[in-house]
C-alpha atoms as a PDB file:
ATOM      1  CA  UNK A   1      -4.500 -37.426   0.118  1.00  0.00           C
ATOM      2  CA  UNK A   2      -2.711 -36.470   3.314  1.00  0.00           C
ATOM      3  CA  UNK A   3      -2.267 -33.068   4.799  1.00  0.00           C
ATOM      4  CA  UNK A   4       0.356 -30.725   3.114  1.00  0.00           C
ATOM      5  CA  UNK A   5       3.393 -29.575   4.921  1.00  0.00           C
ATOM      6  CA  UNK A   6       3.891 -25.796   4.840  1.00  0.00           C
ATOM      7  CA  UNK A   7       7.164 -23.981   5.107  1.00  0.00           C
ATOM      8  CA  UNK A   8       7.412 -20.578   6.715  1.00  0.00           C
ATOM      9  CA  UNK A   9       7.876 -19.037   3.282  1.00  0.00           C
ATOM     10  CA  UNK A  10       4.696 -20.421   1.768  1.00  0.00           C
ATOM     11  CA  UNK A  11       2.475 -20.195   4.876  1.00  0.00           C
ATOM     12  CA  UNK A  12       1.160 -16.672   4.295  1.00  0.00           C
ATOM     13  CA  UNK A  13       0.328 -17.375   0.615  1.00  0.00           C
ATOM     14  CA  UNK A  14      -1.472 -20.593   1.411  1.00  0.00           C
ATOM     15  CA  UNK A  15      -3.843 -19.156   4.121  1.00  0.00           C
ATOM     16  CA  UNK A  16      -4.481 -16.008   1.971  1.00  0.00           C
ATOM     17  CA  UNK A  17      -5.990 -18.156  -0.866  1.00  0.00           C
ATOM     18  CA  UNK A  18      -9.231 -19.068   0.789  1.00  0.00           C
ATOM     19  CA  UNK A  19     -10.191 -21.423   3.558  1.00  0.00           C
ATOM     20  CA  UNK A  20      -7.448 -23.410   5.262  1.00  0.00           C
ATOM     21  CA  UNK A  21      -7.031 -25.602   8.266  1.00  0.00           C
ATOM     22  CA  UNK A  22      -3.583 -25.694   9.785  1.00  0.00           C
ATOM     23  CA  UNK A  23      -2.227 -28.218  12.356  1.00  0.00           C
ATOM     24  CA  UNK A  24       0.671 -26.760  14.377  1.00  0.00           C
ATOM     25  CA  UNK A  25       2.703 -29.801  15.562  1.00  0.00           C
ATOM     26  CA  UNK A  26       6.214 -31.197  16.338  1.00  0.00           C
ATOM     27  CA  UNK A  27       7.870 -34.546  15.697  1.00  0.00           C
ATOM     28  CA  UNK A  28       8.476 -35.092  19.507  1.00  0.00           C
ATOM     29  CA  UNK A  29       4.874 -34.363  20.503  1.00  0.00           C
ATOM     30  CA  UNK A  30       2.878 -37.459  21.571  1.00  0.00           C
ATOM     31  CA  UNK A  31      -0.559 -35.844  21.245  1.00  0.00           C
ATOM     32  CA  UNK A  32       0.514 -34.534  17.784  1.00  0.00           C
ATOM     33  CA  UNK A  33       1.221 -38.107  16.688  1.00  0.00           C
ATOM     34  CA  UNK A  34      -2.306 -39.021  17.887  1.00  0.00           C
ATOM     35  CA  UNK A  35      -4.053 -36.357  15.849  1.00  0.00           C
ATOM     36  CA  UNK A  36      -1.930 -36.719  12.696  1.00  0.00           C
ATOM     37  CA  UNK A  37      -4.035 -39.537  11.081  1.00  0.00           C
ATOM     38  CA  UNK A  38      -7.219 -37.563  11.947  1.00  0.00           C
ATOM     39  CA  UNK A  39      -5.783 -34.469  10.225  1.00  0.00           C
ATOM     40  CA  UNK A  40      -5.021 -36.620   7.173  1.00  0.00           C
ATOM     41  CA  UNK A  41      -8.551 -37.995   7.143  1.00  0.00           C
ATOM     42  CA  UNK A  42      -9.895 -34.400   7.390  1.00  0.00           C
ATOM     43  CA  UNK A  43      -7.641 -33.395   4.455  1.00  0.00           C
ATOM     44  CA  UNK A  44      -8.965 -36.383   2.355  1.00  0.00           C
ATOM     45  CA  UNK A  45     -12.602 -35.560   3.056  1.00  0.00           C
ATOM     46  CA  UNK A  46     -12.153 -31.802   2.346  1.00  0.00           C
ATOM     47  CA  UNK A  47      -9.948 -32.167  -0.707  1.00  0.00           C
ATOM     48  CA  UNK A  48     -10.794 -29.605  -3.363  1.00  0.00           C
ATOM     49  CA  UNK A  49     -12.888 -27.502  -0.879  1.00  0.00           C
ATOM     50  CA  UNK A  50     -10.494 -26.488   1.961  1.00  0.00           C
ATOM     51  CA  UNK A  51      -6.716 -26.560   2.154  1.00  0.00           C
ATOM     52  CA  UNK A  52      -5.487 -28.659   5.007  1.00  0.00           C
ATOM     53  CA  UNK A  53      -1.934 -28.562   6.075  1.00  0.00           C
ATOM     54  CA  UNK A  54       0.646 -28.834   8.859  1.00  0.00           C
ATOM     55  CA  UNK A  55       3.338 -26.519  10.273  1.00  0.00           C
ATOM     56  CA  UNK A  56       6.179 -28.043  12.197  1.00  0.00           C
ATOM     57  CA  UNK A  57       6.722 -25.497  15.083  1.00  0.00           C
ATOM     58  CA  UNK A  58      10.364 -26.402  15.405  1.00  0.00           C
ATOM     59  CA  UNK A  59      10.995 -25.601  11.655  1.00  0.00           C
ATOM     60  CA  UNK A  60       8.635 -22.590  11.589  1.00  0.00           C
ATOM     61  CA  UNK A  61       9.059 -21.055  15.031  1.00  0.00           C
ATOM     62  CA  UNK A  62       8.278 -17.519  13.810  1.00  0.00           C
ATOM     63  CA  UNK A  63       4.930 -18.619  12.339  1.00  0.00           C
ATOM     64  CA  UNK A  64       3.974 -20.313  15.604  1.00  0.00           C
ATOM     65  CA  UNK A  65       4.969 -17.211  17.544  1.00  0.00           C
ATOM     66  CA  UNK A  66       3.041 -14.925  15.160  1.00  0.00           C
ATOM     67  CA  UNK A  67      -0.127 -16.913  15.731  1.00  0.00           C
ATOM     68  CA  UNK A  68       0.331 -17.303  19.502  1.00  0.00           C
ATOM     69  CA  UNK A  69       0.683 -21.112  19.448  1.00  0.00           C
ATOM     70  CA  UNK A  70       1.725 -21.950  22.971  1.00  0.00           C
ATOM     71  CA  UNK A  71       0.606 -25.564  23.164  1.00  0.00           C
ATOM     72  CA  UNK A  72       0.572 -28.286  20.506  1.00  0.00           C
ATOM     73  CA  UNK A  73      -1.194 -29.667  18.740  1.00  0.00           C
ATOM     74  CA  UNK A  74      -3.114 -26.477  17.899  1.00  0.00           C
ATOM     75  CA  UNK A  75      -5.416 -26.541  14.870  1.00  0.00           C
ATOM     76  CA  UNK A  76      -6.254 -23.106  13.483  1.00  0.00           C
ATOM     77  CA  UNK A  77      -8.996 -22.331  10.871  1.00  0.00           C
ATOM     78  CA  UNK A  78      -8.365 -19.545   8.483  1.00  0.00           C
ATOM     79  CA  UNK A  79     -10.630 -17.770   6.090  1.00  0.00           C
ATOM     80  CA  UNK A  80      -8.923 -15.463   3.598  1.00  0.00           C
ATOM     81  CA  UNK A  81      -5.851 -15.102   5.822  1.00  0.00           C
ATOM     82  CA  UNK A  82      -7.727 -14.357   9.064  1.00  0.00           C
ATOM     83  CA  UNK A  83      -8.045 -16.737  11.972  1.00  0.00           C
ATOM     84  CA  UNK A  84     -11.694 -17.675  12.615  1.00  0.00           C
ATOM     85  CA  UNK A  85     -11.419 -20.663  14.969  1.00  0.00           C
ATOM     86  CA  UNK A  86      -8.849 -22.604  17.038  1.00  0.00           C
ATOM     87  CA  UNK A  87      -8.641 -25.870  18.854  1.00  0.00           C
ATOM     88  CA  UNK A  88      -5.911 -26.908  21.254  1.00  0.00           C
ATOM     89  CA  UNK A  89      -5.200 -30.566  21.983  1.00  0.00           C
ATOM     90  CA  UNK A  90      -6.371 -33.783  20.336  1.00  0.00           C
ATOM     91  CA  UNK A  91      -9.806 -33.320  18.645  1.00  0.00           C
ATOM     92  CA  UNK A  92     -12.111 -35.827  16.956  1.00  0.00           C
ATOM     93  CA  UNK A  93     -12.522 -35.948  13.177  1.00  0.00           C
ATOM     94  CA  UNK A  94     -16.200 -35.061  13.632  1.00  0.00           C
ATOM     95  CA  UNK A  95     -15.368 -31.947  15.598  1.00  0.00           C
ATOM     96  CA  UNK A  96     -12.780 -30.804  13.069  1.00  0.00           C
ATOM     97  CA  UNK A  97     -15.169 -31.473  10.147  1.00  0.00           C
ATOM     98  CA  UNK A  98     -18.071 -29.718  11.886  1.00  0.00           C
ATOM     99  CA  UNK A  99     -15.977 -26.626  12.376  1.00  0.00           C
ATOM    100  CA  UNK A 100     -14.875 -26.829   8.736  1.00  0.00           C
ATOM    101  CA  UNK A 101     -18.432 -26.363   7.651  1.00  0.00           C
ATOM    102  CA  UNK A 102     -18.148 -22.739   8.920  1.00  0.00           C
ATOM    103  CA  UNK A 103     -15.360 -22.050   6.515  1.00  0.00           C
ATOM    104  CA  UNK A 104     -17.234 -23.026   3.328  1.00  0.00           C
END
């Protein structure tokens, strides 16, 4: 399973329903393309435990602004709607999974 794609309308509902990891990205962003397969692998490994998704900052500009996303890729970890951790830039799968353990 690959990461889900969230619209601005569904974003709030998704992060409010328990642990979630969200990758803020854009189609024109080179580093975002590098981390995309890693995000999909994380989604696969965490399926059924943690929701993993993506938000296109061009399509959901207001969501990116609300969470202060200034550089992409930015990966934000949410627990019950509250941000608990953030990474900016390309990260390894191990680092993302290790941080996910704090959400469970």
